[in-house]
Structure formats: C-alpha cells, structure tokens
Protein backbone atom coordinates (compact mmCIF):
# COMPACT_ATOMS: atom_id res chain seq x y z
CA MET A 1 -0.12 0.06 0.15
CA GLN A 2 2.64 2.39 0.91
CA THR A 3 4.45 1.75 -2.42
CA ALA A 4 0.81 2.53 -4.36
CA GLN A 5 0.89 5.68 -2.46
CA ALA A 6 4.83 6.97 -3.19
CA ALA A 7 4.28 5.85 -6.75
CA ALA A 8 1.11 7.82 -6.70
CA PRO A 9 3.19 11.51 -6.48
CA THR A 10 5.42 10.37 -9.33
CA ARG A 11 3.58 9.63 -11.85
CA ARG A 12 1.47 12.83 -11.77
CA PHE A 13 4.79 14.50 -11.64
CA TRP A 14 5.70 12.86 -14.43
CA ARG A 15 2.46 13.38 -15.96
CA LEU A 16 2.86 17.69 -15.39
CA ARG A 17 6.38 18.14 -16.28
CA PRO A 18 6.87 20.61 -18.65
CA ARG A 19 7.82 20.09 -22.07
CA LEU A 20 10.63 22.65 -22.60
CA PRO A 21 12.24 23.15 -26.00
CA VAL A 22 15.65 21.57 -26.61
CA ASP A 23 17.79 24.01 -28.65
CA GLY A 24 14.57 26.46 -28.89
CA ALA A 25 12.55 23.79 -30.66
CA VAL A 26 10.00 21.11 -29.25
CA THR A 27 9.53 18.19 -31.11
CA LEU A 28 6.47 16.13 -31.36
CA ASP A 29 7.71 12.69 -31.10
CA ARG A 30 5.97 9.41 -30.45
CA ARG A 31 6.63 9.65 -26.54
CA ASN A 32 4.46 12.66 -26.04
CA LEU A 33 1.94 12.22 -28.79
CA TYR A 34 -1.60 11.23 -27.94
CA ILE A 35 -4.43 10.07 -29.66
CA LEU A 36 -8.09 9.69 -28.93
CA PRO A 37 -11.61 8.78 -30.60
CA THR A 38 -13.63 12.23 -30.91
CA ARG A 39 -17.53 12.06 -30.58
CA GLY A 40 -17.71 11.35 -34.13
CA GLY A 41 -15.31 8.72 -33.75
CA LEU A 42 -17.33 6.95 -30.82
CA GLY A 43 -20.52 6.91 -32.97
CA PHE A 44 -18.91 5.68 -35.78
CA GLY A 45 -17.46 2.88 -33.89
CA LEU A 46 -20.84 2.60 -32.23
CA LEU A 47 -22.29 1.98 -35.86
CA LEU A 48 -19.45 -0.45 -36.99
CA LEU A 49 -20.62 -2.93 -33.57
CA THR A 50 -24.39 -2.47 -34.76
CA MET A 51 -23.34 -3.71 -38.36
CA LEU A 52 -21.75 -6.23 -36.65
CA MET A 53 -24.19 -7.43 -34.62
CA THR A 54 -26.76 -7.76 -37.22
CA SER A 55 -24.65 -8.92 -39.75
CA LEU A 56 -24.12 -12.11 -37.10
CA ASN A 57 -27.85 -12.37 -36.56
CA TYR A 58 -28.95 -12.44 -40.04
CA ASP A 59 -25.65 -14.07 -41.57
CA LEU A 60 -25.40 -10.91 -44.08
CA SER A 61 -22.27 -11.74 -46.23
CA LEU A 62 -22.85 -8.44 -47.53
CA GLY A 63 -22.96 -6.95 -44.16
CA PHE A 64 -20.04 -8.53 -43.08
CA ALA A 65 -17.91 -7.05 -46.10
CA LEU A 66 -19.40 -3.58 -46.02
CA THR A 67 -18.38 -3.78 -41.87
CA PHE A 68 -14.77 -4.85 -42.27
CA LEU A 69 -14.62 -2.11 -44.93
CA LEU A 70 -15.55 0.63 -43.23
CA SER A 71 -13.46 -0.72 -39.81
CA GLY A 72 -10.48 -0.81 -41.94
CA MET A 73 -10.95 3.01 -43.49
CA GLY A 74 -11.29 3.65 -39.82
CA MET A 75 -7.90 2.28 -38.89
CA ALA A 76 -6.44 3.91 -41.93
CA CYS A 77 -7.85 7.23 -40.75
CA MET A 78 -6.42 6.59 -36.86
CA TRP A 79 -2.93 6.06 -38.58
CA MET A 80 -3.33 8.99 -40.87
CA ALA A 81 -4.18 10.93 -37.89
CA TYR A 82 -1.18 10.18 -36.05
CA ARG A 83 0.99 10.53 -38.67
CA ASN A 84 -0.13 13.94 -39.62
CA MET A 85 1.18 15.49 -36.03
CA LEU A 86 4.37 13.27 -35.80
CA ASP A 87 7.74 14.97 -36.16
CA LEU A 88 6.35 18.77 -35.80
CA THR A 89 8.61 20.96 -34.74
CA VAL A 90 7.60 24.23 -32.95
CA THR A 91 9.22 27.13 -31.98
CA ALA A 92 8.57 30.67 -30.46
CA ALA A 93 8.29 33.28 -33.28
CA GLY A 94 7.58 36.81 -31.32
CA ALA A 95 4.39 38.16 -29.57
CA ASP A 96 1.98 41.35 -30.18
CA ASN A 97 2.44 43.67 -27.16
CA GLY A 98 -1.04 45.27 -26.32
CA PHE A 99 -2.84 47.05 -23.81
CA ALA A 100 -4.59 46.31 -20.75
CA GLY A 101 -8.44 45.55 -21.13
CA GLN A 102 -7.31 44.38 -24.70
CA ARG A 103 -5.60 40.91 -25.78
CA VAL A 104 -2.30 40.14 -26.81
CA GLY A 105 -0.84 37.48 -29.45
CA LEU A 106 1.65 35.21 -29.08
CA ARG A 107 3.30 33.15 -32.35
CA LEU A 108 4.64 29.85 -32.83
CA ARG A 109 6.16 28.87 -35.64
CA VAL A 110 5.77 25.29 -36.70
CA HIS A 111 7.78 23.69 -39.10
CA ASN A 112 7.24 20.33 -40.99
CA ALA A 113 10.56 18.54 -42.27
CA GLU A 114 9.01 15.42 -43.87
CA THR A 115 7.86 15.45 -47.71
CA GLY A 116 4.20 15.21 -46.98
CA ALA A 117 1.44 17.92 -45.99
CA ARG A 118 0.08 18.56 -42.97
CA ILE A 119 -3.12 19.43 -42.44
CA GLY A 120 -5.61 21.31 -40.22
CA ILE A 121 -2.86 21.79 -37.31
CA GLU A 122 -4.28 23.78 -34.18
CA ALA A 123 -2.98 25.66 -31.18
CA ALA A 124 -4.99 26.41 -28.19
CA VAL A 125 -3.79 27.20 -24.31
CA ARG A 126 -5.62 27.37 -21.46
CA GLY A 127 -7.49 30.87 -20.58
CA GLY A 128 -7.12 31.86 -24.33
CA VAL A 129 -9.56 33.64 -26.17
CA ASP A 130 -11.30 33.24 -29.39
CA GLY A 131 -9.25 34.30 -32.65
CA VAL A 132 -6.84 31.65 -33.32
CA ASP A 133 -4.98 32.45 -36.63
CA GLY A 134 -2.50 30.06 -38.81
CA VAL A 135 -0.48 31.38 -41.41
CA ASP A 136 1.60 29.57 -43.40
CA ASP A 137 4.71 30.14 -45.36
CA VAL A 138 3.03 31.44 -48.48
CA GLY A 139 0.66 34.13 -46.56
CA ARG A 140 -2.59 32.11 -46.62
CA ARG A 141 -4.46 32.95 -43.11
CA GLU A 142 -6.93 30.04 -41.67
CA SER A 143 -8.41 29.13 -38.40
CA SER A 144 -6.01 26.35 -38.76
CA LEU A 145 -2.45 25.40 -40.36
CA THR A 146 -1.70 23.33 -43.52
CA LEU A 147 1.82 22.85 -44.57
CA ASP A 148 3.12 21.48 -47.31
CA GLY A 149 6.32 19.20 -47.65
CA ASP A 150 9.38 20.93 -45.86
CA GLY A 151 7.40 24.06 -45.00
CA SER A 152 6.55 26.22 -42.10
CA GLY A 153 3.72 28.43 -40.93
CA LEU A 154 2.77 30.42 -38.05
CA LEU A 155 0.18 30.00 -35.39
CA ALA A 156 -1.15 32.91 -33.08
CA VAL A 157 -3.04 32.12 -29.40
CA TYR A 158 -4.22 35.40 -27.80
CA LEU A 159 -4.44 35.84 -24.23
CA PRO A 160 -6.86 38.20 -22.42
CA ALA A 161 -4.79 41.17 -21.12
CA THR A 162 -6.41 42.01 -17.76
CA ARG A 163 -3.69 44.13 -16.18
CA ARG A 164 -0.55 45.60 -17.41
CA GLY A 165 2.83 43.96 -17.00
CA ARG A 166 4.42 40.97 -18.74
CA VAL A 167 2.09 37.95 -19.79
CA SER A 168 4.23 34.61 -20.09
CA LEU A 169 2.75 31.81 -23.20
CA PRO A 170 1.09 28.80 -20.86
CA ARG A 171 1.32 25.67 -22.16
CA VAL A 172 0.34 25.26 -25.81
CA THR A 173 -1.82 22.57 -27.02
CA LEU A 174 -1.37 21.51 -30.65
CA SER A 175 -4.11 19.05 -31.86
CA SER A 176 -5.14 17.68 -35.21
CA ARG A 177 -8.91 16.17 -36.02
CA PHE A 178 -7.61 15.40 -39.61
CA PRO A 179 -9.11 13.13 -41.63
CA PHE A 180 -12.74 13.37 -41.28
CA GLY A 181 -12.62 14.31 -37.56
CA LEU A 182 -13.15 10.73 -35.89
CA PHE A 183 -10.02 11.18 -34.08
CA ARG A 184 -8.22 13.93 -31.91
CA VAL A 185 -4.45 13.48 -31.78
CA TRP A 186 -2.87 16.23 -29.69
CA SER A 187 0.72 17.06 -27.90
CA TYR A 188 2.02 19.78 -25.06
CA ALA A 189 4.89 22.20 -25.63
CA ASP A 190 6.05 24.77 -23.13
CA LEU A 191 8.03 27.60 -24.84
CA PRO A 192 9.84 30.84 -23.45
CA LEU A 193 7.66 33.41 -24.79
CA SER A 194 5.85 36.62 -23.23
CA ALA A 195 4.41 39.84 -24.45
CA LEU A 196 4.56 43.07 -22.64
CA VAL A 197 0.76 44.36 -21.62
CA TYR A 198 0.85 48.41 -21.37
CA PRO A 199 -1.20 50.16 -19.30
CA ALA A 200 -4.72 51.37 -20.65
CA PRO A 201 -4.26 54.71 -21.91
CA GLU A 202 -6.80 57.37 -20.28
CA ALA A 203 -9.68 58.04 -22.54
CA ALA A 204 -9.82 62.06 -21.81
CA ALA A 205 -6.42 62.73 -20.87
CA PRO A 206 -5.30 66.30 -20.73
CA PRO A 207 -2.52 68.03 -22.89
CA ALA A 208 0.82 66.97 -22.36
CA PRO A 209 3.18 69.69 -20.86
CA VAL A 210 4.91 70.63 -23.89
CA ALA A 211 7.70 73.61 -24.02
CA MET A 212 9.98 74.47 -26.94
CA ARG A 213 13.65 73.68 -26.36
CA ASP A 214 15.93 76.83 -25.74
CA ASP A 215 19.19 77.25 -27.71
CA GLU A 216 22.60 77.32 -25.83
CA ASP A 217 22.30 81.14 -25.99
CA GLY A 218 18.89 80.96 -24.28
CA SER A 219 16.80 82.25 -27.33
CA ALA A 220 13.92 79.99 -29.08
CA GLY A 221 14.97 78.05 -31.67
CA ALA A 222 14.35 79.87 -35.19
CA SER A 223 12.33 78.24 -37.91
CA LEU A 224 14.09 76.48 -41.04
CA ALA A 225 13.60 78.39 -44.25
CA SER A 226 12.21 75.81 -46.93
CA ASP A 227 14.85 74.01 -49.48
CA ASP A 228 12.26 75.53 -52.19
CA ASP A 229 13.13 79.31 -50.57
CA ILE A 230 15.61 80.92 -53.00
CA ASP A 231 15.95 83.70 -50.40
CA SER A 232 17.75 81.55 -47.91
CA LEU A 233 20.63 80.07 -49.91
CA ARG A 234 24.12 81.33 -50.85
CA ARG A 235 27.10 79.92 -52.16
CA TYR A 236 28.61 76.93 -50.41
CA ARG A 237 32.18 78.16 -48.24
CA PRO A 238 34.64 75.81 -47.06
CA GLY A 239 33.69 74.56 -43.81
CA ASP A 240 29.83 74.98 -44.15
CA PRO A 241 28.53 71.57 -42.20
CA LEU A 242 26.83 68.93 -44.98
CA HIS A 243 23.57 68.77 -43.32
CA ARG A 244 23.06 72.43 -44.58
CA ILE A 245 23.76 72.20 -48.54
CA ALA A 246 20.84 72.69 -50.14
CA TRP A 247 21.00 69.35 -52.51
CA LYS A 248 18.40 69.68 -54.33
CA HIS A 249 19.07 73.81 -55.81
CA SER A 250 22.50 72.67 -56.01
CA ALA A 251 21.81 69.73 -58.60
CA ARG A 252 19.54 72.21 -60.20
CA THR A 253 21.44 75.10 -60.54
CA GLY A 254 25.41 73.18 -60.54
CA ARG A 255 26.57 75.14 -58.38
CA TRP A 256 26.87 74.17 -54.16
CA LEU A 257 24.44 76.33 -52.35
CA THR A 258 24.03 76.37 -48.57
CA ARG A 259 21.43 77.55 -46.31
CA THR A 260 21.25 80.71 -44.12
CA GLY A 261 18.52 79.63 -41.92
CA HIS A 262 18.78 77.91 -38.67
CA THR A 263 17.69 74.23 -37.70
CA PRO A 264 14.82 74.27 -35.86
CA ARG A 265 14.61 72.88 -32.42
CA GLN A 266 11.58 70.28 -32.09
CA PRO A 267 9.62 70.82 -29.16
CA SER A 268 10.34 68.69 -25.75
CA CYS A 269 7.98 67.43 -23.65
CA TRP A 270 9.10 65.54 -19.93
CA LEU A 271 6.51 63.33 -18.89
CA ASP A 272 6.95 63.36 -14.99
CA TRP A 273 5.46 61.34 -12.54
CA HIS A 274 5.76 63.60 -9.85
CA THR A 275 3.99 66.46 -11.56
CA LEU A 276 0.97 64.50 -11.67
CA PRO A 277 -2.10 65.09 -9.33
CA ALA A 278 -1.86 63.60 -5.93
CA VAL A 279 -5.59 62.38 -6.05
CA LEU A 280 -4.09 60.19 -9.11
CA GLY A 281 -3.14 56.54 -7.87
CA THR A 282 -0.64 54.46 -9.23
CA GLU A 283 -2.65 52.80 -11.96
CA LEU A 284 -4.18 56.06 -13.27
CA ARG A 285 -0.98 57.92 -13.46
CA LEU A 286 0.35 55.64 -15.57
CA SER A 287 -2.83 55.24 -17.96
CA ARG A 288 -2.44 59.20 -17.89
CA LEU A 289 1.29 58.87 -18.92
CA CYS A 290 0.52 56.10 -21.42
CA ALA A 291 -1.90 58.39 -23.36
CA TRP A 292 0.34 61.58 -23.51
CA VAL A 293 3.33 58.90 -24.82
CA LEU A 294 0.49 57.73 -27.71
CA ALA A 295 -0.31 61.25 -28.51
CA ALA A 296 2.83 62.65 -28.77
CA GLY A 297 3.72 62.47 -32.52
CA ASP A 298 7.38 62.15 -33.70
CA GLY A 299 7.74 65.87 -33.85
CA VAL A 300 7.78 66.09 -30.18
CA GLU A 301 11.04 64.98 -28.13
CA LEU A 302 9.80 62.87 -25.43
CA GLY A 303 11.37 61.98 -22.11
CA LEU A 304 9.82 59.98 -19.44
CA ARG A 305 10.36 60.80 -15.72
CA LEU A 306 9.01 57.70 -13.08
CA PRO A 307 10.09 56.84 -9.70
CA GLY A 308 13.57 55.17 -10.42
CA VAL A 309 13.60 55.24 -14.20
CA GLU A 310 14.25 58.47 -16.25
CA ILE A 311 14.26 57.92 -20.06
CA ALA A 312 16.10 61.05 -22.03
CA PRO A 313 14.33 63.12 -24.56
CA GLY A 314 14.08 61.29 -27.76
CA HIS A 315 11.57 60.68 -30.65
CA GLY A 316 10.58 58.08 -33.49
CA ALA A 317 8.85 54.77 -32.89
CA ALA A 318 11.54 52.49 -31.22
CA HIS A 319 11.99 55.43 -28.33
CA ARG A 320 7.77 55.18 -27.91
CA ARG A 321 8.32 51.65 -27.61
CA ALA A 322 10.88 52.06 -24.44
CA CYS A 323 8.68 54.54 -22.56
CA LEU A 324 5.78 52.15 -23.05
CA GLU A 325 7.79 49.46 -21.77
CA ALA A 326 8.93 51.52 -18.91
CA LEU A 327 5.38 52.17 -18.16
CA ALA A 328 4.28 48.66 -18.73
CA LEU A 329 6.67 47.27 -16.10
CA TRP A 330 7.41 49.89 -13.86
CA PRO A 331 8.48 49.37 -10.87
CA GLU A 332 10.75 46.94 -12.67
CA LYS A 333 13.53 48.69 -14.86
CA PRO A 334 13.32 48.51 -18.59
CA ARG A 335 15.92 46.75 -20.64
CA THR A 336 16.35 49.99 -22.42
CA SER A 337 16.60 53.40 -21.00
CA GLY A 338 18.17 55.81 -23.67
CA GLY A 339 16.12 58.06 -26.36
CA ALA A 340 16.28 56.68 -29.99
C-alpha cells in the first residue's frame, strides 16, 4: 500500500512535467503524442458494432463485407491522424504587445521537415480567447494551419490582457482532427515566450505639457527656411556643414548652395510622474502617462520620469516603445533607458 501511495505523486509529476524546448524547439515525437477518438469517432465505432451484430444475427455476407471495409477505413484514418502530427517542430516566433483590457497575441512557428503535407494543425492554451490564426509560408490565413512538404507556418494564440505587465505563454496544446474528425491527436509544448501589456491609456487625458527647447544662448530655435525658398540660400563656403547644403538647388543649378536659416529645435516634453495630481493613484498615473506617450508625435522629443526610472528625451517609434515598456514594467527598470 505504501509503495502504491509513493508511486502516485511520481506519476502525477511525470504527467505534469513541462515539455521544455531543446535548442529552442519542441519536437512532437512518439513519446509525447496522444490520440483518442472524438464524439464522431465513438459514434462511428458504435455504428460499426451495430452493423457487425446485425450481420451476425442475419448472416449477411454483404453486411460483413461493408463492416470490415468501414473498419479498415477507420483504422487507416487513425494512422493518418497520428502521422499528421508526428515529428512536427514548434518554436517561439514572437509576440504582439497590447494594452490592458485588450488581448495580446503570441506566435508559434510550426515546421514540417517531411515531404508530405500536414493539414489542420491547431493551437490552444488554457484561458485563451477566440481568434486563433494560422499563416502558412505562402501567406494564407486560416483558422488552422496547413503545411506543405518541408514548409513552415505561424500559429497565433491570444490571451486576455487583464492588467499591465508581462504575460507569459502558458502550456500550448497542439492538436489535429484530420482526417474526417474521427480521432483527435494532440501534444504539449512549453515555450519561453511572453508579451508586454501596456497600461490602458486614459480616455480623456488632458494635453501633455509641451515646451520649446531653448538654444544654447537662451533664445528659442528659429524656424528653418524651406529648401525651396531661394532667398535663404547662398554660395557654399569651405567649412559649411554637410547637413546645411541645399542638395536639390545645388543639383538644379550646378553650384554648391548652403542654407542660411537655422535648424529648428523640436518641442521637448518631459512626462514626469511627480507633476501629476496627488489624487491620482498609481494605475491612473500610468494610464495618463501612457495616453501622453501615444498622443506625442514624432515632432516632439519625449522624455519620461518615473520613480527610479528616467528615459532621456527622444523621438521615433523605438523611443516610444521604450517609454511604453517602462510604463508596463514599472517599478521594474526597463532593459533600454535611452532615447532613440
């Protein structure tokens, strides 16, 4: 009795142990591939049993022939279903970040190293939401994935983003009901993949504090004359910086021309945690800062100050992602804390 009780936890541990990737990939081999009949398969088996009993009772030769023929077809379907999933390779392919209250997508790449096609591959996770997409290597989008020989494709699973932070991919169940849906073949994969959930932007956030950056001498930056304004051009002088050369006019006239205007200073914007109203809680402050980050265009140099985190002013999509990452992970420090 004690031996049986001691063996039970061991069996449970063996059943729940993770399918971790080897060299970044999980292979669906024979040791970790499972098959069971579906409801349709059970109904098909019950029909075959009924046909067999009827043929025995009435001694129907044609009934025996039809029963054995359909039984052989069922066995062939079972083998084809198992073979359809055997030796597929699954790897992590990336994640689509999202905002709190929405959903995030995590993508898996499925590779078929065999010459035969694989049909109807699906992926699901516990707690996921509807909207599983499959995209094969020629760009076709379906609810399930079909792979040609020596081909690969992407499967996306979606998770609800209930709060900001990092969402890790839970255990993925890969399955198929090909052909005819009589049998379901499945296996598991545990992949190190995660997505970021940004704070939900405030719906009616007030305008962000934007100020013009002063020049070194204290005066505001002058506006730059257009490249098409001929009055702002003069002959090139040795020592003029290359970024001030009017390339279009120089090519048009055949003479080197230099702009005489001043390079404009972009508006600078510091988004500071400490300047927000004290009545706002932590999540409300992060939501307002998130709305300001999204509202700021590339024409504004954006800086972010949080308790323990500071991102220097910058602009562009990469800088905006760095600010959103800092808001999502705060109070954890982001991996990158510089302007783009």
